[in-house]
PDB file of N, CA and C in Angstrom:
ATOM      1  N   UNK A   1       0.825  -1.203   0.000  1.00  0.00           N
ATOM      2  CA  UNK A   1       0.000   0.000   0.000  1.00  0.00           C
ATOM      3  C   UNK A   1       0.866   1.263   0.000  1.00  0.00           C
ATOM      4  N   UNK A   2       1.831   1.339   0.914  1.00  0.00           N
ATOM      5  CA  UNK A   2       2.702   2.511   0.969  1.00  0.00           C
ATOM      6  C   UNK A   2       3.552   2.584  -0.296  1.00  0.00           C
ATOM      7  N   UNK A   3       3.962   1.431  -0.793  1.00  0.00           N
ATOM      8  CA  UNK A   3       4.743   1.395  -2.023  1.00  0.00           C
ATOM      9  C   UNK A   3       3.984   1.992  -3.201  1.00  0.00           C
ATOM     10  N   UNK A   4       2.688   1.660  -3.300  1.00  0.00           N
ATOM     11  CA  UNK A   4       1.857   2.221  -4.366  1.00  0.00           C
ATOM     12  C   UNK A   4       1.707   3.725  -4.203  1.00  0.00           C
ATOM     13  N   UNK A   5       1.460   4.161  -2.980  1.00  0.00           N
ATOM     14  CA  UNK A   5       1.293   5.587  -2.708  1.00  0.00           C
ATOM     15  C   UNK A   5       2.588   6.334  -3.025  1.00  0.00           C
ATOM     16  N   UNK A   6       3.715   5.729  -2.664  1.00  0.00           N
ATOM     17  CA  UNK A   6       5.005   6.332  -2.947  1.00  0.00           C
ATOM     18  C   UNK A   6       5.186   6.527  -4.452  1.00  0.00           C
ATOM     19  N   UNK A   7       4.896   5.483  -5.218  1.00  0.00           N
ATOM     20  CA  UNK A   7       5.042   5.566  -6.673  1.00  0.00           C
ATOM     21  C   UNK A   7       4.106   6.614  -7.270  1.00  0.00           C
ATOM     22  N   UNK A   8       2.875   6.675  -6.776  1.00  0.00           N
ATOM     23  CA  UNK A   8       1.919   7.675  -7.263  1.00  0.00           C
ATOM     24  C   UNK A   8       2.420   9.087  -6.985  1.00  0.00           C
ATOM     25  N   UNK A   9       2.929   9.295  -5.783  1.00  0.00           N
ATOM     26  CA  UNK A   9       3.426  10.625  -5.421  1.00  0.00           C
ATOM     27  C   UNK A   9       4.691  10.966  -6.209  1.00  0.00           C
ATOM     28  N   UNK A  10       5.549   9.983  -6.439  1.00  0.00           N
ATOM     29  CA  UNK A  10       6.738  10.214  -7.257  1.00  0.00           C
ATOM     30  C   UNK A  10       6.334  10.623  -8.677  1.00  0.00           C
ATOM     31  N   UNK A  11       5.359   9.919  -9.239  1.00  0.00           N
ATOM     32  CA  UNK A  11       4.879  10.267 -10.576  1.00  0.00           C
ATOM     33  C   UNK A  11       4.284  11.670 -10.591  1.00  0.00           C
ATOM     34  N   UNK A  12       3.499  11.992  -9.574  1.00  0.00           N
ATOM     35  CA  UNK A  12       2.885  13.323  -9.484  1.00  0.00           C
ATOM     36  C   UNK A  12       3.966  14.399  -9.359  1.00  0.00           C
ATOM     37  N   UNK A  13       4.991  14.127  -8.569  1.00  0.00           N
ATOM     38  CA  UNK A  13       6.071  15.096  -8.397  1.00  0.00           C
ATOM     39  C   UNK A  13       6.836  15.278  -9.705  1.00  0.00           C
ATOM     40  N   UNK A  14       7.063  14.209 -10.409  1.00  0.00           N
ATOM     41  CA  UNK A  14       7.746  14.292 -11.697  1.00  0.00           C
ATOM     42  C   UNK A  14       6.954  15.170 -12.666  1.00  0.00           C
ATOM     43  N   UNK A  15       5.649  14.938 -12.734  1.00  0.00           N
ATOM     44  CA  UNK A  15       4.792  15.754 -13.608  1.00  0.00           C
ATOM     45  C   UNK A  15       4.789  17.219 -13.163  1.00  0.00           C
ATOM     46  N   UNK A  16       4.722  17.423 -11.860  1.00  0.00           N
ATOM     47  CA  UNK A  16       4.661  18.788 -11.335  1.00  0.00           C
ATOM     48  C   UNK A  16       5.945  19.560 -11.633  1.00  0.00           C
ATOM     49  N   UNK A  17       7.088  18.903 -11.571  1.00  0.00           N
ATOM     50  CA  UNK A  17       8.339  19.608 -11.871  1.00  0.00           C
ATOM     51  C   UNK A  17       8.393  19.999 -13.347  1.00  0.00           C
ATOM     52  N   UNK A  18       7.906  19.131 -14.213  1.00  0.00           N
ATOM     53  CA  UNK A  18       7.855  19.453 -15.645  1.00  0.00           C
ATOM     54  C   UNK A  18       6.908  20.631 -15.875  1.00  0.00           C
ATOM     55  N   UNK A  19       5.744  20.590 -15.234  1.00  0.00           N
ATOM     56  CA  UNK A  19       4.777  21.691 -15.355  1.00  0.00           C
ATOM     57  C   UNK A  19       5.394  23.000 -14.883  1.00  0.00           C
ATOM     58  N   UNK A  20       6.089  22.936 -13.760  1.00  0.00           N
ATOM     59  CA  UNK A  20       6.656  24.161 -13.187  1.00  0.00           C
ATOM     60  C   UNK A  20       7.720  24.751 -14.108  1.00  0.00           C
ATOM     61  N   UNK A  21       8.549  23.904 -14.672  1.00  0.00           N
ATOM     62  CA  UNK A  21       9.578  24.398 -15.590  1.00  0.00           C
ATOM     63  C   UNK A  21       8.966  25.036 -16.835  1.00  0.00           C
ATOM     64  N   UNK A  22       7.774  24.607 -17.210  1.00  0.00           N
ATOM     65  CA  UNK A  22       7.113  25.158 -18.395  1.00  0.00           C
ATOM     66  C   UNK A  22       6.472  26.521 -18.115  1.00  0.00           C
ATOM     67  N   UNK A  23       6.261  26.842 -16.854  1.00  0.00           N
ATOM     68  CA  UNK A  23       5.652  28.133 -16.517  1.00  0.00           C
ATOM     69  C   UNK A  23       6.674  29.256 -16.663  1.00  0.00           C
ATOM     70  N   UNK A  24       6.291  30.351 -17.288  1.00  0.00           N
ATOM     71  CA  UNK A  24       7.214  31.489 -17.359  1.00  0.00           C
ATOM     72  C   UNK A  24       7.435  32.083 -15.968  1.00  0.00           C
ATOM     73  N   UNK A  25       8.679  32.460 -15.697  1.00  0.00           N
ATOM     74  CA  UNK A  25       8.980  33.098 -14.420  1.00  0.00           C
ATOM     75  C   UNK A  25       8.238  34.434 -14.369  1.00  0.00           C
ATOM     76  N   UNK A  26       7.673  34.786 -13.227  1.00  0.00           N
ATOM     77  CA  UNK A  26       6.881  36.021 -13.143  1.00  0.00           C
ATOM     78  C   UNK A  26       7.691  37.278 -13.484  1.00  0.00           C
ATOM     79  N   UNK A  27       7.169  38.099 -14.385  1.00  0.00           N
ATOM     80  CA  UNK A  27       7.861  39.349 -14.717  1.00  0.00           C
ATOM     81  C   UNK A  27       8.024  40.222 -13.474  1.00  0.00           C
ATOM     82  N   UNK A  28       9.167  40.819 -13.352  1.00  0.00           N
ATOM     83  CA  UNK A  28       9.413  41.725 -12.230  1.00  0.00           C
ATOM     84  C   UNK A  28       9.885  41.039 -10.950  1.00  0.00           C
ATOM     85  N   UNK A  29       9.998  39.729 -10.962  1.00  0.00           N
ATOM     86  CA  UNK A  29      10.394  39.023  -9.741  1.00  0.00           C
ATOM     87  C   UNK A  29      11.883  38.727  -9.680  1.00  0.00           C
ATOM     88  N   UNK A  30      12.606  38.920 -10.777  1.00  0.00           N
ATOM     89  CA  UNK A  30      14.068  38.749 -10.735  1.00  0.00           C
ATOM     90  C   UNK A  30      14.663  39.883  -9.914  1.00  0.00           C
ATOM     91  N   UNK A  31      15.491  39.530  -8.958  1.00  0.00           N
ATOM     92  CA  UNK A  31      16.108  40.538  -8.096  1.00  0.00           C
ATOM     93  C   UNK A  31      15.183  41.056  -7.010  1.00  0.00           C
ATOM     94  N   UNK A  32      13.999  40.490  -6.898  1.00  0.00           N
ATOM     95  CA  UNK A  32      13.024  40.941  -5.902  1.00  0.00           C
ATOM     96  C   UNK A  32      13.149  40.106  -4.636  1.00  0.00           C
ATOM     97  N   UNK A  33      13.145  40.781  -3.506  1.00  0.00           N
ATOM     98  CA  UNK A  33      13.089  40.122  -2.199  1.00  0.00           C
ATOM     99  C   UNK A  33      11.723  40.415  -1.596  1.00  0.00           C
ATOM    100  N   UNK A  34      11.072  39.382  -1.109  1.00  0.00           N
ATOM    101  CA  UNK A  34       9.813  39.529  -0.383  1.00  0.00           C
ATOM    102  C   UNK A  34       9.989  38.800   0.935  1.00  0.00           C
ATOM    103  N   UNK A  35       9.692  39.484   2.014  1.00  0.00           N
ATOM    104  CA  UNK A  35       9.856  38.900   3.357  1.00  0.00           C
ATOM    105  C   UNK A  35      11.262  38.318   3.526  1.00  0.00           C
ATOM    106  N   UNK A  36      12.258  39.063   3.074  1.00  0.00           N
ATOM    107  CA  UNK A  36      13.671  38.674   3.167  1.00  0.00           C
ATOM    108  C   UNK A  36      14.009  37.401   2.395  1.00  0.00           C
ATOM    109  N   UNK A  37      13.211  37.098   1.387  1.00  0.00           N
ATOM    110  CA  UNK A  37      13.468  35.920   0.546  1.00  0.00           C
ATOM    111  C   UNK A  37      13.735  36.382  -0.879  1.00  0.00           C
ATOM    112  N   UNK A  38      14.843  35.939  -1.444  1.00  0.00           N
ATOM    113  CA  UNK A  38      15.141  36.186  -2.853  1.00  0.00           C
ATOM    114  C   UNK A  38      14.209  35.280  -3.664  1.00  0.00           C
ATOM    115  N   UNK A  39      13.379  35.888  -4.490  1.00  0.00           N
ATOM    116  CA  UNK A  39      12.341  35.132  -5.180  1.00  0.00           C
ATOM    117  C   UNK A  39      12.902  34.164  -6.226  1.00  0.00           C
ATOM    118  N   UNK A  40      14.016  34.494  -6.835  1.00  0.00           N
ATOM    119  CA  UNK A  40      14.644  33.563  -7.777  1.00  0.00           C
ATOM    120  C   UNK A  40      15.155  32.338  -7.019  1.00  0.00           C
ATOM    121  N   UNK A  41      15.819  32.567  -5.903  1.00  0.00           N
ATOM    122  CA  UNK A  41      16.364  31.443  -5.126  1.00  0.00           C
ATOM    123  C   UNK A  41      15.250  30.580  -4.527  1.00  0.00           C
ATOM    124  N   UNK A  42      14.171  31.204  -4.121  1.00  0.00           N
ATOM    125  CA  UNK A  42      13.042  30.450  -3.573  1.00  0.00           C
ATOM    126  C   UNK A  42      12.527  29.463  -4.623  1.00  0.00           C
ATOM    127  N   UNK A  43      12.380  29.955  -5.835  1.00  0.00           N
ATOM    128  CA  UNK A  43      11.932  29.118  -6.938  1.00  0.00           C
ATOM    129  C   UNK A  43      12.962  28.026  -7.253  1.00  0.00           C
ATOM    130  N   UNK A  44      14.217  28.418  -7.339  1.00  0.00           N
ATOM    131  CA  UNK A  44      15.282  27.461  -7.655  1.00  0.00           C
ATOM    132  C   UNK A  44      15.387  26.377  -6.581  1.00  0.00           C
ATOM    133  N   UNK A  45      15.246  26.764  -5.331  1.00  0.00           N
ATOM    134  CA  UNK A  45      15.311  25.778  -4.244  1.00  0.00           C
ATOM    135  C   UNK A  45      14.162  24.776  -4.335  1.00  0.00           C
ATOM    136  N   UNK A  46      12.958  25.264  -4.640  1.00  0.00           N
ATOM    137  CA  UNK A  46      11.811  24.353  -4.759  1.00  0.00           C
ATOM    138  C   UNK A  46      12.074  23.309  -5.841  1.00  0.00           C
ATOM    139  N   UNK A  47      12.570  23.762  -6.973  1.00  0.00           N
ATOM    140  CA  UNK A  47      12.855  22.813  -8.051  1.00  0.00           C
ATOM    141  C   UNK A  47      14.034  21.913  -7.684  1.00  0.00           C
ATOM    142  N   UNK A  48      15.054  22.466  -7.062  1.00  0.00           N
ATOM    143  CA  UNK A  48      16.225  21.680  -6.687  1.00  0.00           C
ATOM    144  C   UNK A  48      15.910  20.559  -5.719  1.00  0.00           C
ATOM    145  N   UNK A  49      15.105  20.852  -4.715  1.00  0.00           N
ATOM    146  CA  UNK A  49      14.728  19.799  -3.763  1.00  0.00           C
ATOM    147  C   UNK A  49      13.875  18.731  -4.449  1.00  0.00           C
ATOM    148  N   UNK A  50      12.953  19.153  -5.311  1.00  0.00           N
ATOM    149  CA  UNK A  50      12.121  18.181  -6.029  1.00  0.00           C
ATOM    150  C   UNK A  50      12.992  17.265  -6.889  1.00  0.00           C
ATOM    151  N   UNK A  51      13.909  17.855  -7.632  1.00  0.00           N
ATOM    152  CA  UNK A  51      14.797  17.060  -8.485  1.00  0.00           C
ATOM    153  C   UNK A  51      15.638  16.100  -7.646  1.00  0.00           C
ATOM    154  N   UNK A  52      16.105  16.561  -6.502  1.00  0.00           N
ATOM    155  CA  UNK A  52      16.912  15.699  -5.626  1.00  0.00           C
ATOM    156  C   UNK A  52      16.106  14.509  -5.124  1.00  0.00           C
ATOM    157  N   UNK A  53      14.878  14.755  -4.687  1.00  0.00           N
ATOM    158  CA  UNK A  53      14.037  13.680  -4.162  1.00  0.00           C
ATOM    159  C   UNK A  53      13.696  12.677  -5.264  1.00  0.00           C
ATOM    160  N   UNK A  54      13.519  13.165  -6.479  1.00  0.00           N
ATOM    161  CA  UNK A  54      13.231  12.251  -7.588  1.00  0.00           C
ATOM    162  C   UNK A  54      14.417  11.342  -7.883  1.00  0.00           C
ATOM    163  N   UNK A  55      15.622  11.762  -7.471  1.00  0.00           N
ATOM    164  CA  UNK A  55      16.829  10.976  -7.718  1.00  0.00           C
ATOM    165  C   UNK A  55      17.268  10.138  -6.526  1.00  0.00           C
ATOM    166  N   UNK A  56      16.641  10.315  -5.378  1.00  0.00           N
ATOM    167  CA  UNK A  56      17.010   9.526  -4.205  1.00  0.00           C
ATOM    168  C   UNK A  56      16.714  10.259  -2.923  1.00  0.00           C
ATOM    169  N   UNK A  57      17.032   9.633  -1.790  1.00  0.00           N
ATOM    170  CA  UNK A  57      16.718  10.248  -0.500  1.00  0.00           C
ATOM    171  C   UNK A  57      17.551  11.503  -0.239  1.00  0.00           C
ATOM    172  N   UNK A  58      16.984  12.381   0.561  1.00  0.00           N
ATOM    173  CA  UNK A  58      17.683  13.600   0.972  1.00  0.00           C
ATOM    174  C   UNK A  58      18.535  13.331   2.203  1.00  0.00           C
ATOM    175  N   UNK A  59      19.568  14.124   2.353  1.00  0.00           N
ATOM    176  CA  UNK A  59      20.363  14.084   3.581  1.00  0.00           C
ATOM    177  C   UNK A  59      19.569  14.801   4.680  1.00  0.00           C
ATOM    178  N   UNK A  60      20.015  14.640   5.905  1.00  0.00           N
ATOM    179  CA  UNK A  60      19.352  15.343   7.015  1.00  0.00           C
ATOM    180  C   UNK A  60      19.408  16.859   6.816  1.00  0.00           C
ATOM    181  N   UNK A  61      20.535  17.345   6.316  1.00  0.00           N
ATOM    182  CA  UNK A  61      20.680  18.783   6.060  1.00  0.00           C
ATOM    183  C   UNK A  61      19.683  19.237   4.985  1.00  0.00           C
ATOM    184  N   UNK A  62      19.524  18.455   3.944  1.00  0.00           N
ATOM    185  CA  UNK A  62      18.567  18.793   2.890  1.00  0.00           C
ATOM    186  C   UNK A  62      17.136  18.741   3.414  1.00  0.00           C
ATOM    187  N   UNK A  63      16.835  17.756   4.244  1.00  0.00           N
ATOM    188  CA  UNK A  63      15.486  17.660   4.820  1.00  0.00           C
ATOM    189  C   UNK A  63      15.168  18.897   5.647  1.00  0.00           C
ATOM    190  N   UNK A  64      16.140  19.361   6.425  1.00  0.00           N
ATOM    191  CA  UNK A  64      15.944  20.577   7.222  1.00  0.00           C
ATOM    192  C   UNK A  64      15.746  21.785   6.306  1.00  0.00           C
ATOM    193  N   UNK A  65      16.500  21.841   5.226  1.00  0.00           N
ATOM    194  CA  UNK A  65      16.355  22.934   4.277  1.00  0.00           C
ATOM    195  C   UNK A  65      14.991  22.926   3.604  1.00  0.00           C
ATOM    196  N   UNK A  66      14.489  21.751   3.284  1.00  0.00           N
ATOM    197  CA  UNK A  66      13.170  21.622   2.673  1.00  0.00           C
ATOM    198  C   UNK A  66      12.083  22.103   3.635  1.00  0.00           C
ATOM    199  N   UNK A  67      12.217  21.767   4.897  1.00  0.00           N
ATOM    200  CA  UNK A  67      11.257  22.237   5.903  1.00  0.00           C
ATOM    201  C   UNK A  67      11.275  23.762   5.990  1.00  0.00           C
ATOM    202  N   UNK A  68      12.481  24.346   5.988  1.00  0.00           N
ATOM    203  CA  UNK A  68      12.602  25.811   6.012  1.00  0.00           C
ATOM    204  C   UNK A  68      12.001  26.436   4.756  1.00  0.00           C
ATOM    205  N   UNK A  69      12.175  25.760   3.626  1.00  0.00           N
ATOM    206  CA  UNK A  69      11.644  26.265   2.365  1.00  0.00           C
ATOM    207  C   UNK A  69      10.119  26.363   2.402  1.00  0.00           C
ATOM    208  N   UNK A  70       9.457  25.327   2.858  1.00  0.00           N
ATOM    209  CA  UNK A  70       7.995  25.357   2.931  1.00  0.00           C
ATOM    210  C   UNK A  70       7.547  26.488   3.856  1.00  0.00           C
ATOM    211  N   UNK A  71       8.243  26.663   4.954  1.00  0.00           N
ATOM    212  CA  UNK A  71       7.936  27.758   5.883  1.00  0.00           C
ATOM    213  C   UNK A  71       8.141  29.114   5.216  1.00  0.00           C
ATOM    214  N   UNK A  72       9.198  29.245   4.408  1.00  0.00           N
ATOM    215  CA  UNK A  72       9.458  30.504   3.696  1.00  0.00           C
ATOM    216  C   UNK A  72       8.312  30.807   2.735  1.00  0.00           C
ATOM    217  N   UNK A  73       7.829  29.797   2.040  1.00  0.00           N
ATOM    218  CA  UNK A  73       6.683  30.002   1.145  1.00  0.00           C
ATOM    219  C   UNK A  73       5.473  30.497   1.935  1.00  0.00           C
ATOM    220  N   UNK A  74       5.249  29.936   3.112  1.00  0.00           N
ATOM    221  CA  UNK A  74       4.109  30.337   3.928  1.00  0.00           C
ATOM    222  C   UNK A  74       4.205  31.807   4.338  1.00  0.00           C
ATOM    223  N   UNK A  75       5.424  32.309   4.512  1.00  0.00           N
ATOM    224  CA  UNK A  75       5.616  33.725   4.849  1.00  0.00           C
ATOM    225  C   UNK A  75       5.499  34.629   3.627  1.00  0.00           C
ATOM    226  N   UNK A  76       5.990  34.152   2.500  1.00  0.00           N
ATOM    227  CA  UNK A  76       6.065  34.967   1.289  1.00  0.00           C
ATOM    228  C   UNK A  76       4.715  35.087   0.575  1.00  0.00           C
ATOM    229  N   UNK A  77       4.000  33.989   0.451  1.00  0.00           N
ATOM    230  CA  UNK A  77       2.783  33.995  -0.366  1.00  0.00           C
ATOM    231  C   UNK A  77       1.787  35.101  -0.001  1.00  0.00           C
ATOM    232  N   UNK A  78       1.493  35.325   1.274  1.00  0.00           N
ATOM    233  CA  UNK A  78       0.529  36.392   1.581  1.00  0.00           C
ATOM    234  C   UNK A  78       1.027  37.794   1.195  1.00  0.00           C
ATOM    235  N   UNK A  79       2.327  37.954   1.031  1.00  0.00           N
ATOM    236  CA  UNK A  79       2.896  39.273   0.744  1.00  0.00           C
ATOM    237  C   UNK A  79       3.027  39.546  -0.757  1.00  0.00           C
ATOM    238  N   UNK A  80       2.743  38.555  -1.599  1.00  0.00           N
ATOM    239  CA  UNK A  80       2.827  38.754  -3.052  1.00  0.00           C
ATOM    240  C   UNK A  80       1.559  39.464  -3.507  1.00  0.00           C
ATOM    241  N   UNK A  81       1.735  40.589  -4.207  1.00  0.00           N
ATOM    242  CA  UNK A  81       0.570  41.366  -4.645  1.00  0.00           C
ATOM    243  C   UNK A  81       0.371  41.318  -6.165  1.00  0.00           C
ATOM    244  N   UNK A  82       0.818  40.243  -6.768  1.00  0.00           N
ATOM    245  CA  UNK A  82       0.709  40.046  -8.208  1.00  0.00           C
ATOM    246  C   UNK A  82      -0.020  38.726  -8.442  1.00  0.00           C
ATOM    247  N   UNK A  83      -1.099  38.741  -9.233  1.00  0.00           N
ATOM    248  CA  UNK A  83      -1.927  37.547  -9.412  1.00  0.00           C
ATOM    249  C   UNK A  83      -1.133  36.386 -10.016  1.00  0.00           C
ATOM    250  N   UNK A  84      -0.386  36.661 -11.088  1.00  0.00           N
ATOM    251  CA  UNK A  84       0.383  35.584 -11.695  1.00  0.00           C
ATOM    252  C   UNK A  84       1.492  35.121 -10.751  1.00  0.00           C
ATOM    253  N   UNK A  85       2.159  36.064 -10.087  1.00  0.00           N
ATOM    254  CA  UNK A  85       3.201  35.705  -9.133  1.00  0.00           C
ATOM    255  C   UNK A  85       2.661  34.814  -8.023  1.00  0.00           C
ATOM    256  N   UNK A  86       1.474  35.133  -7.553  1.00  0.00           N
ATOM    257  CA  UNK A  86       0.841  34.310  -6.513  1.00  0.00           C
ATOM    258  C   UNK A  86       0.581  32.905  -7.038  1.00  0.00           C
ATOM    259  N   UNK A  87       0.048  32.813  -8.243  1.00  0.00           N
ATOM    260  CA  UNK A  87      -0.232  31.497  -8.827  1.00  0.00           C
ATOM    261  C   UNK A  87       1.061  30.703  -9.026  1.00  0.00           C
ATOM    262  N   UNK A  88       2.087  31.362  -9.539  1.00  0.00           N
ATOM    263  CA  UNK A  88       3.373  30.718  -9.799  1.00  0.00           C
ATOM    264  C   UNK A  88       3.991  30.181  -8.507  1.00  0.00           C
ATOM    265  N   UNK A  89       4.036  31.021  -7.480  1.00  0.00           N
ATOM    266  CA  UNK A  89       4.667  30.603  -6.229  1.00  0.00           C
ATOM    267  C   UNK A  89       3.780  29.658  -5.414  1.00  0.00           C
ATOM    268  N   UNK A  90       2.472  29.696  -5.623  1.00  0.00           N
ATOM    269  CA  UNK A  90       1.594  28.700  -4.998  1.00  0.00           C
ATOM    270  C   UNK A  90       1.902  27.327  -5.594  1.00  0.00           C
ATOM    271  N   UNK A  91       2.139  27.304  -6.893  1.00  0.00           N
ATOM    272  CA  UNK A  91       2.520  26.040  -7.554  1.00  0.00           C
ATOM    273  C   UNK A  91       3.869  25.561  -7.022  1.00  0.00           C
ATOM    274  N   UNK A  92       4.826  26.463  -6.879  1.00  0.00           N
ATOM    275  CA  UNK A  92       6.149  26.092  -6.356  1.00  0.00           C
ATOM    276  C   UNK A  92       6.031  25.564  -4.927  1.00  0.00           C
ATOM    277  N   UNK A  93       5.174  26.201  -4.117  1.00  0.00           N
ATOM    278  CA  UNK A  93       4.971  25.732  -2.745  1.00  0.00           C
ATOM    279  C   UNK A  93       4.360  24.330  -2.751  1.00  0.00           C
ATOM    280  N   UNK A  94       3.357  24.116  -3.603  1.00  0.00           N
ATOM    281  CA  UNK A  94       2.727  22.797  -3.689  1.00  0.00           C
ATOM    282  C   UNK A  94       3.759  21.741  -4.088  1.00  0.00           C
ATOM    283  N   UNK A  95       4.679  22.115  -4.966  1.00  0.00           N
ATOM    284  CA  UNK A  95       5.744  21.199  -5.365  1.00  0.00           C
ATOM    285  C   UNK A  95       6.642  20.877  -4.159  1.00  0.00           C
ATOM    286  N   UNK A  96       6.952  21.878  -3.357  1.00  0.00           N
ATOM    287  CA  UNK A  96       7.785  21.657  -2.164  1.00  0.00           C
ATOM    288  C   UNK A  96       7.061  20.774  -1.145  1.00  0.00           C
ATOM    289  N   UNK A  97       5.765  20.987  -0.984  1.00  0.00           N
ATOM    290  CA  UNK A  97       4.983  20.158  -0.057  1.00  0.00           C
ATOM    291  C   UNK A  97       4.942  18.710  -0.551  1.00  0.00           C
ATOM    292  N   UNK A  98       4.715  18.519  -1.843  1.00  0.00           N
ATOM    293  CA  UNK A  98       4.707  17.166  -2.402  1.00  0.00           C
ATOM    294  C   UNK A  98       6.081  16.525  -2.275  1.00  0.00           C
ATOM    295  N   UNK A  99       7.125  17.298  -2.432  1.00  0.00           N
ATOM    296  CA  UNK A  99       8.491  16.802  -2.238  1.00  0.00           C
ATOM    297  C   UNK A  99       8.652  16.274  -0.813  1.00  0.00           C
ATOM    298  N   UNK A 100       8.131  17.021   0.151  1.00  0.00           N
ATOM    299  CA  UNK A 100       8.182  16.601   1.554  1.00  0.00           C
ATOM    300  C   UNK A 100       7.410  15.300   1.751  1.00  0.00           C
ATOM    301  N   UNK A 101       6.233  15.213   1.144  1.00  0.00           N
ATOM    302  CA  UNK A 101       5.421  13.996   1.276  1.00  0.00           C
ATOM    303  C   UNK A 101       6.149  12.778   0.704  1.00  0.00           C
ATOM    304  N   UNK A 102       6.759  12.950  -0.451  1.00  0.00           N
ATOM    305  CA  UNK A 102       7.507  11.846  -1.060  1.00  0.00           C
ATOM    306  C   UNK A 102       8.648  11.424  -0.144  1.00  0.00           C
ATOM    307  N   UNK A 103       9.382  12.387   0.353  1.00  0.00           N
ATOM    308  CA  UNK A 103      10.518  12.069   1.221  1.00  0.00           C
ATOM    309  C   UNK A 103      10.056  11.375   2.507  1.00  0.00           C
ATOM    310  N   UNK A 104       8.931  11.811   3.059  1.00  0.00           N
ATOM    311  CA  UNK A 104       8.399  11.171   4.263  1.00  0.00           C
ATOM    312  C   UNK A 104       7.949   9.737   3.989  1.00  0.00           C
ATOM    313  N   UNK A 105       7.360   9.490   2.828  1.00  0.00           N
ATOM    314  CA  UNK A 105       6.947   8.127   2.474  1.00  0.00           C
ATOM    315  C   UNK A 105       8.168   7.235   2.263  1.00  0.00           C
ATOM    316  N   UNK A 106       9.231   7.812   1.761  1.00  0.00           N
ATOM    317  CA  UNK A 106      10.452   7.034   1.535  1.00  0.00           C
ATOM    318  C   UNK A 106      10.970   6.473   2.859  1.00  0.00           C
ATOM    319  N   UNK A 107      10.799   7.225   3.933  1.00  0.00           N
ATOM    320  CA  UNK A 107      11.285   6.787   5.249  1.00  0.00           C
ATOM    321  C   UNK A 107      10.483   5.630   5.803  1.00  0.00           C
ATOM    322  N   UNK A 108       9.180   5.564   5.443  1.00  0.00           N
ATOM    323  CA  UNK A 108       8.307   4.536   6.021  1.00  0.00           C
ATOM    324  C   UNK A 108       8.612   3.153   5.512  1.00  0.00           C
TER     325      UNK A 108
END
């Protein structure tokens, strides 16, 4: 049962990373900091952690970084005042949350 769920979530994460890469980066967000977060790095980190999890388990340091990343999204999202930017970063946050779920299932 957990094995099936793991595979389903891995497939979903794989699709989500492809979808995210196909989305244009929000105009005006390069070089922008919101809530002390560099928006380019926030996006890059979300994709980087997803790609890492798709290739194998995370280290303890990476797991801690992923937890911090999801928290950073929770702080940043309410402060974004651009509709497309909100949609883009909501997708990136969902990808980070799914990455966490996959990694947690891997441990079980």
